[in-house]
Amino acid sequence: MESSLWAMVTIGGPILLGIVLIFVMLSNRRHRTPEEMRRTEDATRDLYRRLDQEDKAREFGSAAPGNAKQAEKQP
């Protein structure tokens, strides 16, 4: 009895997890309007741009505008 329960958990668990992941991915894609997708893309581009600026500022030894306090704390 115990081995059949363990087999069911071992086989059924990944199958159930896969079904839930597929459902979530599909429902997430369906509920996004073109405006939401554009806003997400714009925010992602802005984030990447700011991170790139911070990385470049760190490379050249100056503090990035948003990290002035962190730069003062570092030895």
PDB file of N, CA and C in Angstrom:
ATOM      1  N   MET A   1       0.825  -1.198   0.000  1.00  0.00           N
ATOM      2  CA  MET A   1       0.000   0.000   0.000  1.00  0.00           C
ATOM      3  C   MET A   1       0.869   1.262   0.000  1.00  0.00           C
ATOM      4  N   GLU A   2       1.894   1.244   0.852  1.00  0.00           N
ATOM      5  CA  GLU A   2       2.752   2.415   0.954  1.00  0.00           C
ATOM      6  C   GLU A   2       3.518   2.664  -0.341  1.00  0.00           C
ATOM      7  N   SER A   3       3.951   1.598  -1.000  1.00  0.00           N
ATOM      8  CA  SER A   3       4.701   1.770  -2.244  1.00  0.00           C
ATOM      9  C   SER A   3       3.811   2.305  -3.363  1.00  0.00           C
ATOM     10  N   SER A   4       2.551   1.910  -3.392  1.00  0.00           N
ATOM     11  CA  SER A   4       1.661   2.430  -4.430  1.00  0.00           C
ATOM     12  C   SER A   4       1.355   3.911  -4.191  1.00  0.00           C
ATOM     13  N   LEU A   5       1.260   4.305  -2.937  1.00  0.00           N
ATOM     14  CA  LEU A   5       1.043   5.715  -2.629  1.00  0.00           C
ATOM     15  C   LEU A   5       2.271   6.535  -3.031  1.00  0.00           C
ATOM     16  N   TRP A   6       3.459   6.014  -2.716  1.00  0.00           N
ATOM     17  CA  TRP A   6       4.698   6.706  -3.080  1.00  0.00           C
ATOM     18  C   TRP A   6       4.834   6.816  -4.603  1.00  0.00           C
ATOM     19  N   ALA A   7       4.464   5.766  -5.316  1.00  0.00           N
ATOM     20  CA  ALA A   7       4.522   5.788  -6.778  1.00  0.00           C
ATOM     21  C   ALA A   7       3.550   6.832  -7.333  1.00  0.00           C
ATOM     22  N   MET A   8       2.363   6.911  -6.736  1.00  0.00           N
ATOM     23  CA  MET A   8       1.375   7.877  -7.194  1.00  0.00           C
ATOM     24  C   MET A   8       1.881   9.311  -6.958  1.00  0.00           C
ATOM     25  N   VAL A   9       2.506   9.548  -5.814  1.00  0.00           N
ATOM     26  CA  VAL A   9       3.042  10.876  -5.518  1.00  0.00           C
ATOM     27  C   VAL A   9       4.201  11.200  -6.455  1.00  0.00           C
ATOM     28  N   THR A  10       5.076  10.234  -6.694  1.00  0.00           N
ATOM     29  CA  THR A  10       6.247  10.449  -7.539  1.00  0.00           C
ATOM     30  C   THR A  10       5.855  10.715  -8.989  1.00  0.00           C
ATOM     31  N   ILE A  11       4.852  10.028  -9.471  1.00  0.00           N
ATOM     32  CA  ILE A  11       4.414  10.205 -10.859  1.00  0.00           C
ATOM     33  C   ILE A  11       3.409  11.343 -10.982  1.00  0.00           C
ATOM     34  N   GLY A  12       2.466  11.403 -10.071  1.00  0.00           N
ATOM     35  CA  GLY A  12       1.401  12.401 -10.149  1.00  0.00           C
ATOM     36  C   GLY A  12       1.853  13.806  -9.820  1.00  0.00           C
ATOM     37  N   GLY A  13       2.822  13.938  -8.922  1.00  0.00           N
ATOM     38  CA  GLY A  13       3.290  15.263  -8.523  1.00  0.00           C
ATOM     39  C   GLY A  13       3.836  16.082  -9.677  1.00  0.00           C
ATOM     40  N   PRO A  14       4.804  15.554 -10.422  1.00  0.00           N
ATOM     41  CA  PRO A  14       5.319  16.320 -11.569  1.00  0.00           C
ATOM     42  C   PRO A  14       4.265  16.580 -12.648  1.00  0.00           C
ATOM     43  N   ILE A  15       3.368  15.625 -12.846  1.00  0.00           N
ATOM     44  CA  ILE A  15       2.305  15.832 -13.836  1.00  0.00           C
ATOM     45  C   ILE A  15       1.402  16.979 -13.391  1.00  0.00           C
ATOM     46  N   LEU A  16       1.004  16.975 -12.126  1.00  0.00           N
ATOM     47  CA  LEU A  16       0.162  18.045 -11.599  1.00  0.00           C
ATOM     48  C   LEU A  16       0.883  19.388 -11.656  1.00  0.00           C
ATOM     49  N   LEU A  17       2.147  19.402 -11.309  1.00  0.00           N
ATOM     50  CA  LEU A  17       2.934  20.630 -11.373  1.00  0.00           C
ATOM     51  C   LEU A  17       2.997  21.164 -12.806  1.00  0.00           C
ATOM     52  N   GLY A  18       3.214  20.279 -13.767  1.00  0.00           N
ATOM     53  CA  GLY A  18       3.252  20.687 -15.170  1.00  0.00           C
ATOM     54  C   GLY A  18       1.929  21.265 -15.633  1.00  0.00           C
ATOM     55  N   ILE A  19       0.831  20.636 -15.239  1.00  0.00           N
ATOM     56  CA  ILE A  19      -0.496  21.127 -15.621  1.00  0.00           C
ATOM     57  C   ILE A  19      -0.738  22.516 -15.043  1.00  0.00           C
ATOM     58  N   VAL A  20      -0.384  22.706 -13.786  1.00  0.00           N
ATOM     59  CA  VAL A  20      -0.574  24.015 -13.150  1.00  0.00           C
ATOM     60  C   VAL A  20       0.291  25.073 -13.828  1.00  0.00           C
ATOM     61  N   LEU A  21       1.545  24.749 -14.130  1.00  0.00           N
ATOM     62  CA  LEU A  21       2.419  25.718 -14.798  1.00  0.00           C
ATOM     63  C   LEU A  21       1.889  26.108 -16.173  1.00  0.00           C
ATOM     64  N   ILE A  22       1.426  25.141 -16.936  1.00  0.00           N
ATOM     65  CA  ILE A  22       0.865  25.430 -18.261  1.00  0.00           C
ATOM     66  C   ILE A  22      -0.368  26.310 -18.135  1.00  0.00           C
ATOM     67  N   PHE A  23      -1.235  25.993 -17.182  1.00  0.00           N
ATOM     68  CA  PHE A  23      -2.448  26.787 -16.971  1.00  0.00           C
ATOM     69  C   PHE A  23      -2.107  28.236 -16.622  1.00  0.00           C
ATOM     70  N   VAL A  24      -1.163  28.429 -15.721  1.00  0.00           N
ATOM     71  CA  VAL A  24      -0.785  29.782 -15.304  1.00  0.00           C
ATOM     72  C   VAL A  24      -0.168  30.551 -16.465  1.00  0.00           C
ATOM     73  N   MET A  25       0.691  29.908 -17.232  1.00  0.00           N
ATOM     74  CA  MET A  25       1.313  30.588 -18.370  1.00  0.00           C
ATOM     75  C   MET A  25       0.269  31.011 -19.397  1.00  0.00           C
ATOM     76  N   LEU A  26      -0.659  30.126 -19.701  1.00  0.00           N
ATOM     77  CA  LEU A  26      -1.680  30.456 -20.692  1.00  0.00           C
ATOM     78  C   LEU A  26      -2.630  31.532 -20.189  1.00  0.00           C
ATOM     79  N   SER A  27      -3.033  31.458 -18.933  1.00  0.00           N
ATOM     80  CA  SER A  27      -3.957  32.467 -18.417  1.00  0.00           C
ATOM     81  C   SER A  27      -3.270  33.822 -18.300  1.00  0.00           C
ATOM     82  N   ASN A  28      -1.987  33.837 -18.017  1.00  0.00           N
ATOM     83  CA  ASN A  28      -1.260  35.102 -17.934  1.00  0.00           C
ATOM     84  C   ASN A  28      -1.153  35.757 -19.306  1.00  0.00           C
ATOM     85  N   ARG A  29      -0.952  34.990 -20.329  1.00  0.00           N
ATOM     86  CA  ARG A  29      -0.846  35.548 -21.687  1.00  0.00           C
ATOM     87  C   ARG A  29      -2.187  36.078 -22.179  1.00  0.00           C
ATOM     88  N   ARG A  30      -3.265  35.404 -21.836  1.00  0.00           N
ATOM     89  CA  ARG A  30      -4.580  35.803 -22.323  1.00  0.00           C
ATOM     90  C   ARG A  30      -5.066  37.103 -21.709  1.00  0.00           C
ATOM     91  N   HIS A  31      -4.685  37.385 -20.484  1.00  0.00           N
ATOM     92  CA  HIS A  31      -5.242  38.527 -19.772  1.00  0.00           C
ATOM     93  C   HIS A  31      -4.454  39.813 -19.967  1.00  0.00           C
ATOM     94  N   ARG A  32      -3.410  39.778 -20.765  1.00  0.00           N
ATOM     95  CA  ARG A  32      -2.615  40.986 -20.975  1.00  0.00           C
ATOM     96  C   ARG A  32      -3.056  41.691 -22.248  1.00  0.00           C
ATOM     97  N   THR A  33      -3.436  42.928 -22.088  1.00  0.00           N
ATOM     98  CA  THR A  33      -3.834  43.728 -23.241  1.00  0.00           C
ATOM     99  C   THR A  33      -2.576  44.282 -23.912  1.00  0.00           C
ATOM    100  N   PRO A  34      -2.699  44.738 -25.148  1.00  0.00           N
ATOM    101  CA  PRO A  34      -1.533  45.338 -25.818  1.00  0.00           C
ATOM    102  C   PRO A  34      -0.957  46.523 -25.037  1.00  0.00           C
ATOM    103  N   GLU A  35      -1.813  47.292 -24.383  1.00  0.00           N
ATOM    104  CA  GLU A  35      -1.336  48.422 -23.575  1.00  0.00           C
ATOM    105  C   GLU A  35      -0.500  47.926 -22.401  1.00  0.00           C
ATOM    106  N   GLU A  36      -0.941  46.870 -21.736  1.00  0.00           N
ATOM    107  CA  GLU A  36      -0.176  46.312 -20.616  1.00  0.00           C
ATOM    108  C   GLU A  36       1.162  45.756 -21.092  1.00  0.00           C
ATOM    109  N   MET A  37       1.157  45.109 -22.234  1.00  0.00           N
ATOM    110  CA  MET A  37       2.401  44.566 -22.772  1.00  0.00           C
ATOM    111  C   MET A  37       3.374  45.691 -23.134  1.00  0.00           C
ATOM    112  N   ARG A  38       2.869  46.768 -23.732  1.00  0.00           N
ATOM    113  CA  ARG A  38       3.719  47.903 -24.091  1.00  0.00           C
ATOM    114  C   ARG A  38       4.303  48.551 -22.842  1.00  0.00           C
ATOM    115  N   ARG A  39       3.463  48.708 -21.822  1.00  0.00           N
ATOM    116  CA  ARG A  39       3.928  49.313 -20.575  1.00  0.00           C
ATOM    117  C   ARG A  39       5.000  48.450 -19.915  1.00  0.00           C
ATOM    118  N   THR A  40       4.812  47.139 -19.945  1.00  0.00           N
ATOM    119  CA  THR A  40       5.804  46.225 -19.376  1.00  0.00           C
ATOM    120  C   THR A  40       7.117  46.312 -20.137  1.00  0.00           C
ATOM    121  N   GLU A  41       7.042  46.327 -21.462  1.00  0.00           N
ATOM    122  CA  GLU A  41       8.253  46.426 -22.278  1.00  0.00           C
ATOM    123  C   GLU A  41       8.979  47.748 -22.031  1.00  0.00           C
ATOM    124  N   ASP A  42       8.222  48.841 -21.939  1.00  0.00           N
ATOM    125  CA  ASP A  42       8.837  50.148 -21.679  1.00  0.00           C
ATOM    126  C   ASP A  42       9.524  50.170 -20.317  1.00  0.00           C
ATOM    127  N   ALA A  43       8.860  49.616 -19.313  1.00  0.00           N
ATOM    128  CA  ALA A  43       9.449  49.589 -17.970  1.00  0.00           C
ATOM    129  C   ALA A  43      10.703  48.723 -17.939  1.00  0.00           C
ATOM    130  N   THR A  44      10.691  47.619 -18.673  1.00  0.00           N
ATOM    131  CA  THR A  44      11.864  46.747 -18.720  1.00  0.00           C
ATOM    132  C   THR A  44      13.029  47.455 -19.395  1.00  0.00           C
ATOM    133  N   ARG A  45      12.760  48.126 -20.510  1.00  0.00           N
ATOM    134  CA  ARG A  45      13.820  48.877 -21.189  1.00  0.00           C
ATOM    135  C   ARG A  45      14.390  49.965 -20.286  1.00  0.00           C
ATOM    136  N   ASP A  46      13.514  50.661 -19.560  1.00  0.00           N
ATOM    137  CA  ASP A  46      13.960  51.709 -18.649  1.00  0.00           C
ATOM    138  C   ASP A  46      14.825  51.125 -17.531  1.00  0.00           C
ATOM    139  N   LEU A  47      14.419  49.999 -16.984  1.00  0.00           N
ATOM    140  CA  LEU A  47      15.201  49.350 -15.934  1.00  0.00           C
ATOM    141  C   LEU A  47      16.576  48.947 -16.446  1.00  0.00           C
ATOM    142  N   TYR A  48      16.620  48.332 -17.619  1.00  0.00           N
ATOM    143  CA  TYR A  48      17.910  47.933 -18.196  1.00  0.00           C
ATOM    144  C   TYR A  48      18.800  49.147 -18.452  1.00  0.00           C
ATOM    145  N   ARG A  49      18.207  50.242 -18.921  1.00  0.00           N
ATOM    146  CA  ARG A  49      18.974  51.454 -19.187  1.00  0.00           C
ATOM    147  C   ARG A  49      19.568  52.002 -17.893  1.00  0.00           C
ATOM    148  N   ARG A  50      18.751  52.058 -16.830  1.00  0.00           N
ATOM    149  CA  ARG A  50      19.254  52.573 -15.552  1.00  0.00           C
ATOM    150  C   ARG A  50      20.336  51.670 -14.975  1.00  0.00           C
ATOM    151  N   LEU A  51      20.145  50.356 -15.071  1.00  0.00           N
ATOM    152  CA  LEU A  51      21.162  49.436 -14.568  1.00  0.00           C
ATOM    153  C   LEU A  51      22.461  49.576 -15.348  1.00  0.00           C
ATOM    154  N   ASP A  52      22.346  49.765 -16.651  1.00  0.00           N
ATOM    155  CA  ASP A  52      23.534  49.957 -17.481  1.00  0.00           C
ATOM    156  C   ASP A  52      24.270  51.235 -17.084  1.00  0.00           C
ATOM    157  N   GLN A  53      23.520  52.308 -16.834  1.00  0.00           N
ATOM    158  CA  GLN A  53      24.144  53.559 -16.403  1.00  0.00           C
ATOM    159  C   GLN A  53      24.857  53.383 -15.065  1.00  0.00           C
ATOM    160  N   GLU A  54      24.228  52.660 -14.135  1.00  0.00           N
ATOM    161  CA  GLU A  54      24.859  52.424 -12.836  1.00  0.00           C
ATOM    162  C   GLU A  54      26.132  51.598 -12.990  1.00  0.00           C
ATOM    163  N   ASP A  55      26.086  50.588 -13.845  1.00  0.00           N
ATOM    164  CA  ASP A  55      27.276  49.764 -14.072  1.00  0.00           C
ATOM    165  C   ASP A  55      28.413  50.589 -14.669  1.00  0.00           C
ATOM    166  N   LYS A  56      28.093  51.427 -15.648  1.00  0.00           N
ATOM    167  CA  LYS A  56      29.120  52.265 -16.265  1.00  0.00           C
ATOM    168  C   LYS A  56      29.689  53.254 -15.262  1.00  0.00           C
ATOM    169  N   ALA A  57      28.825  53.821 -14.416  1.00  0.00           N
ATOM    170  CA  ALA A  57      29.295  54.766 -13.405  1.00  0.00           C
ATOM    171  C   ALA A  57      30.215  54.064 -12.412  1.00  0.00           C
ATOM    172  N   ARG A  58      29.896  52.843 -12.050  1.00  0.00           N
ATOM    173  CA  ARG A  58      30.728  52.082 -11.125  1.00  0.00           C
ATOM    174  C   ARG A  58      32.079  51.751 -11.752  1.00  0.00           C
ATOM    175  N   GLU A  59      32.082  51.452 -13.046  1.00  0.00           N
ATOM    176  CA  GLU A  59      33.327  51.125 -13.743  1.00  0.00           C
ATOM    177  C   GLU A  59      34.292  52.306 -13.748  1.00  0.00           C
ATOM    178  N   PHE A  60      33.752  53.509 -13.871  1.00  0.00           N
ATOM    179  CA  PHE A  60      34.599  54.694 -13.963  1.00  0.00           C
ATOM    180  C   PHE A  60      34.836  55.348 -12.605  1.00  0.00           C
ATOM    181  N   GLY A  61      34.391  54.703 -11.527  1.00  0.00           N
ATOM    182  CA  GLY A  61      34.695  55.168 -10.186  1.00  0.00           C
ATOM    183  C   GLY A  61      33.802  56.249  -9.633  1.00  0.00           C
ATOM    184  N   SER A  62      32.775  56.622 -10.344  1.00  0.00           N
ATOM    185  CA  SER A  62      31.863  57.625  -9.800  1.00  0.00           C
ATOM    186  C   SER A  62      30.590  56.936  -9.345  1.00  0.00           C
ATOM    187  N   ALA A  63      29.887  57.572  -8.456  1.00  0.00           N
ATOM    188  CA  ALA A  63      28.647  56.992  -7.937  1.00  0.00           C
ATOM    189  C   ALA A  63      27.511  57.295  -8.896  1.00  0.00           C
ATOM    190  N   ALA A  64      26.639  56.328  -9.077  1.00  0.00           N
ATOM    191  CA  ALA A  64      25.453  56.539  -9.891  1.00  0.00           C
ATOM    192  C   ALA A  64      24.502  57.444  -9.119  1.00  0.00           C
ATOM    193  N   PRO A  65      23.636  58.193  -9.803  1.00  0.00           N
ATOM    194  CA  PRO A  65      22.755  59.140  -9.118  1.00  0.00           C
ATOM    195  C   PRO A  65      21.922  58.491  -8.011  1.00  0.00           C
ATOM    196  N   GLY A  66      21.424  57.306  -8.209  1.00  0.00           N
ATOM    197  CA  GLY A  66      20.583  56.662  -7.213  1.00  0.00           C
ATOM    198  C   GLY A  66      21.350  55.993  -6.098  1.00  0.00           C
ATOM    199  N   ASN A  67      22.672  55.876  -6.220  1.00  0.00           N
ATOM    200  CA  ASN A  67      23.458  55.130  -5.247  1.00  0.00           C
ATOM    201  C   ASN A  67      24.468  55.997  -4.510  1.00  0.00           C
ATOM    202  N   ALA A  68      24.225  57.278  -4.379  1.00  0.00           N
ATOM    203  CA  ALA A  68      25.188  58.161  -3.728  1.00  0.00           C
ATOM    204  C   ALA A  68      25.417  57.754  -2.277  1.00  0.00           C
ATOM    205  N   LYS A  69      24.357  57.396  -1.561  1.00  0.00           N
ATOM    206  CA  LYS A  69      24.506  57.005  -0.162  1.00  0.00           C
ATOM    207  C   LYS A  69      25.259  55.693  -0.039  1.00  0.00           C
ATOM    208  N   GLN A  70      25.000  54.752  -0.937  1.00  0.00           N
ATOM    209  CA  GLN A  70      25.701  53.469  -0.891  1.00  0.00           C
ATOM    210  C   GLN A  70      27.181  53.664  -1.174  1.00  0.00           C
ATOM    211  N   ALA A  71      27.518  54.568  -2.079  1.00  0.00           N
ATOM    212  CA  ALA A  71      28.917  54.802  -2.421  1.00  0.00           C
ATOM    213  C   ALA A  71      29.667  55.405  -1.233  1.00  0.00           C
ATOM    214  N   GLU A  72      28.982  56.242  -0.430  1.00  0.00           N
ATOM    215  CA  GLU A  72      29.622  56.837   0.732  1.00  0.00           C
ATOM    216  C   GLU A  72      29.907  55.794   1.802  1.00  0.00           C
ATOM    217  N   LYS A  73      29.053  54.792   1.930  1.00  0.00           N
ATOM    218  CA  LYS A  73      29.201  53.770   2.961  1.00  0.00           C
ATOM    219  C   LYS A  73      30.303  52.776   2.640  1.00  0.00           C
ATOM    220  N   GLN A  74      30.578  52.558   1.369  1.00  0.00           N
ATOM    221  CA  GLN A  74      31.570  51.565   0.984  1.00  0.00           C
ATOM    222  C   GLN A  74      32.971  52.100   1.248  1.00  0.00           C
ATOM    223  N   PRO A  75      33.879  51.242   1.774  1.00  0.00           N
ATOM    224  CA  PRO A  75      35.250  51.683   2.064  1.00  0.00           C
ATOM    225  C   PRO A  75      36.063  51.893   0.809  1.00  0.00           C
TER     226      PRO A  75
END
